[in-house]
């Protein structure tokens, strides 16, 4: 995806965990779409940071949606994915994308990957891998707390 491109819909999700959302449900909210995979060690290491952001920025309206992107046939087994969602306390909506419909819509190739959309559902930042988490955090601050950044 390119910056300022509009957020894709969530059509084609295999299954939702923690309740599903639609693009219209997220209207007027900043949204962090997060890709991960159960077989990705780095993804699991970064999940606590994701949960921290979800809590820290909830008063600014941030909505988090995770998308599980299988990297192998074994990753498509729903039981272990659901166990990981519970273990890592992912209490926000998690889309299981076993048919790669969202992967295709986002043109996503990596896990972990983060797509930050503003209140107009335009892409403001994309980050892949764990090395850019500080950069993503700065972008979250800029998008979600603009009045504090300007001071």
Protein backbone atom coordinates (compact mmCIF):
# COMPACT_ATOMS: atom_id res chain seq x y z
CA UNK A 1 0.00 0.00 0.00
CA UNK A 2 1.04 3.57 -0.58
CA UNK A 3 0.78 6.43 1.89
CA UNK A 4 -2.59 8.20 1.85
CA UNK A 5 -4.20 5.15 0.23
CA UNK A 6 -7.59 4.24 1.70
CA UNK A 7 -7.98 1.41 4.18
CA UNK A 8 -9.22 -1.79 2.53
CA UNK A 9 -12.36 -3.53 3.76
CA UNK A 10 -12.18 -6.68 5.86
CA UNK A 11 -14.00 -8.83 3.31
CA UNK A 12 -13.03 -12.49 3.12
CA UNK A 13 -11.92 -13.07 6.73
CA UNK A 14 -11.86 -16.80 7.52
CA UNK A 15 -12.93 -16.20 11.13
CA UNK A 16 -12.95 -13.39 13.69
CA UNK A 17 -11.76 -13.78 17.28
CA UNK A 18 -12.90 -11.24 19.91
CA UNK A 19 -15.67 -9.99 17.62
CA UNK A 20 -15.43 -8.78 14.08
CA UNK A 21 -15.30 -5.25 12.73
CA UNK A 22 -16.13 -3.62 9.44
CA UNK A 23 -14.49 -0.65 7.86
CA UNK A 24 -17.57 1.43 8.66
CA UNK A 25 -17.30 0.39 12.36
CA UNK A 26 -13.90 2.09 12.40
CA UNK A 27 -15.06 5.32 10.78
CA UNK A 28 -13.69 8.49 12.44
CA UNK A 29 -11.18 6.48 14.51
CA UNK A 30 -7.45 6.14 14.02
CA UNK A 31 -6.74 2.47 13.33
CA UNK A 32 -3.62 0.34 13.71
CA UNK A 33 -3.84 -2.80 11.57
CA UNK A 34 -1.29 -5.35 12.71
CA UNK A 35 -0.18 -8.46 10.80
CA UNK A 36 1.32 -11.38 12.67
CA UNK A 37 1.76 -15.13 12.42
CA UNK A 38 1.83 -17.82 15.08
CA UNK A 39 5.05 -19.27 13.62
CA UNK A 40 6.84 -15.90 13.81
CA UNK A 41 9.00 -15.62 16.94
CA UNK A 42 9.50 -11.88 16.43
CA UNK A 43 5.74 -11.39 16.17
CA UNK A 44 5.25 -12.99 19.58
CA UNK A 45 7.99 -10.82 21.09
CA UNK A 46 6.28 -7.65 19.85
CA UNK A 47 2.73 -8.50 20.98
CA UNK A 48 3.23 -6.97 24.47
CA UNK A 49 4.22 -3.68 22.78
CA UNK A 50 1.08 -3.82 20.66
CA UNK A 51 -1.05 -4.34 23.78
CA UNK A 52 0.71 -1.43 25.49
CA UNK A 53 -0.07 0.88 22.57
CA UNK A 54 -3.68 -0.29 22.49
CA UNK A 55 -4.08 0.73 26.14
CA UNK A 56 -1.96 3.90 26.00
CA UNK A 57 -3.77 5.39 23.01
CA UNK A 58 -7.33 4.21 23.66
CA UNK A 59 -8.30 7.62 25.09
CA UNK A 60 -7.25 9.15 21.75
CA UNK A 61 -9.63 6.72 20.03
CA UNK A 62 -7.08 4.26 18.64
CA UNK A 63 -8.64 1.04 17.43
CA UNK A 64 -6.41 -2.00 16.91
CA UNK A 65 -7.20 -4.83 14.51
CA UNK A 66 -4.81 -7.75 14.22
CA UNK A 67 -4.68 -10.02 11.20
CA UNK A 68 -3.21 -13.51 11.50
CA UNK A 69 -1.38 -14.31 8.27
CA UNK A 70 -0.41 -17.99 8.03
CA UNK A 71 3.08 -18.65 6.74
CA UNK A 72 2.57 -22.40 6.34
CA UNK A 73 -0.23 -24.94 6.25
CA UNK A 74 0.37 -25.68 9.95
CA UNK A 75 -0.28 -21.98 10.74
CA UNK A 76 -3.83 -22.45 9.41
CA UNK A 77 -4.84 -24.60 12.39
CA UNK A 78 -7.31 -22.44 14.33
CA UNK A 79 -6.80 -24.04 17.76
CA UNK A 80 -3.18 -22.97 18.29
CA UNK A 81 -3.87 -19.50 16.86
CA UNK A 82 -6.77 -18.99 19.28
CA UNK A 83 -4.60 -20.23 22.17
CA UNK A 84 -1.90 -17.70 21.25
CA UNK A 85 -4.48 -14.90 21.07
CA UNK A 86 -5.55 -15.76 24.61
CA UNK A 87 -2.00 -16.31 25.90
CA UNK A 88 -0.78 -12.94 24.61
CA UNK A 89 -3.92 -11.13 25.76
CA UNK A 90 -5.01 -9.90 22.36
CA UNK A 91 -8.41 -8.60 23.47
CA UNK A 92 -9.04 -6.54 20.32
CA UNK A 93 -10.56 -8.01 17.12
CA UNK A 94 -8.30 -10.54 15.40
CA UNK A 95 -9.01 -11.62 11.83
CA UNK A 96 -7.88 -15.05 10.74
CA UNK A 97 -6.88 -14.69 7.08
CA UNK A 98 -6.36 -18.30 5.96
CA UNK A 99 -7.51 -17.47 2.42
CA UNK A 100 -5.10 -14.49 2.17
CA UNK A 101 -7.92 -12.11 1.16
CA UNK A 102 -6.67 -9.35 3.48
CA UNK A 103 -3.04 -10.10 2.65
CA UNK A 104 -3.94 -9.42 -0.99
CA UNK A 105 -6.02 -6.32 -0.18
CA UNK A 106 -3.15 -4.79 1.82
CA UNK A 107 -0.46 -6.18 -0.49
CA UNK A 108 1.23 -7.35 2.70
CA UNK A 109 4.31 -9.57 2.53
CA UNK A 110 5.76 -9.41 6.05
CA UNK A 111 5.10 -10.22 9.68
CA UNK A 112 5.06 -8.39 11.90
CA UNK A 113 3.70 -5.49 9.87
CA UNK A 114 1.84 -2.39 10.98
CA UNK A 115 -0.47 -0.11 9.02
CA UNK A 116 -1.52 3.12 10.75
CA UNK A 117 -4.62 4.82 9.37
CA UNK A 118 -5.89 8.25 10.37
CA UNK A 119 -9.49 9.19 11.19
CA UNK A 120 -10.20 9.57 7.47
CA UNK A 121 -9.03 5.96 6.91
CA UNK A 122 -5.97 7.04 4.95
CA UNK A 123 -2.66 5.22 5.42
CA UNK A 124 -0.30 7.44 7.40
CA UNK A 125 2.50 4.99 8.18
CA UNK A 126 3.64 1.48 7.30
CA UNK A 127 6.24 -0.46 9.23
CA UNK A 128 7.49 -4.03 8.88
CA UNK A 129 9.68 -5.97 11.28
CA UNK A 130 10.60 -5.22 14.86
CA UNK A 131 13.42 -2.78 14.20
CA UNK A 132 11.10 0.09 13.36
CA UNK A 133 8.88 -0.06 16.44
CA UNK A 134 10.33 3.19 17.84
CA UNK A 135 9.63 4.92 14.53
CA UNK A 136 6.08 3.57 14.58
CA UNK A 137 5.64 4.80 18.15
CA UNK A 138 6.71 8.31 17.09
CA UNK A 139 4.19 8.19 14.24
CA UNK A 140 1.46 7.04 16.65
CA UNK A 141 2.27 10.04 18.84
CA UNK A 142 2.14 12.38 15.85
CA UNK A 143 -1.14 11.03 14.46
CA UNK A 144 -2.91 10.54 17.79
CA UNK A 145 -1.67 13.49 19.84
CA UNK A 146 -0.96 16.28 17.33
CA UNK A 147 -1.63 19.12 19.81
CA UNK A 148 1.02 17.79 22.21
CA UNK A 149 3.59 17.30 19.45
CA UNK A 150 3.16 20.88 18.20
CA UNK A 151 4.03 22.47 21.56
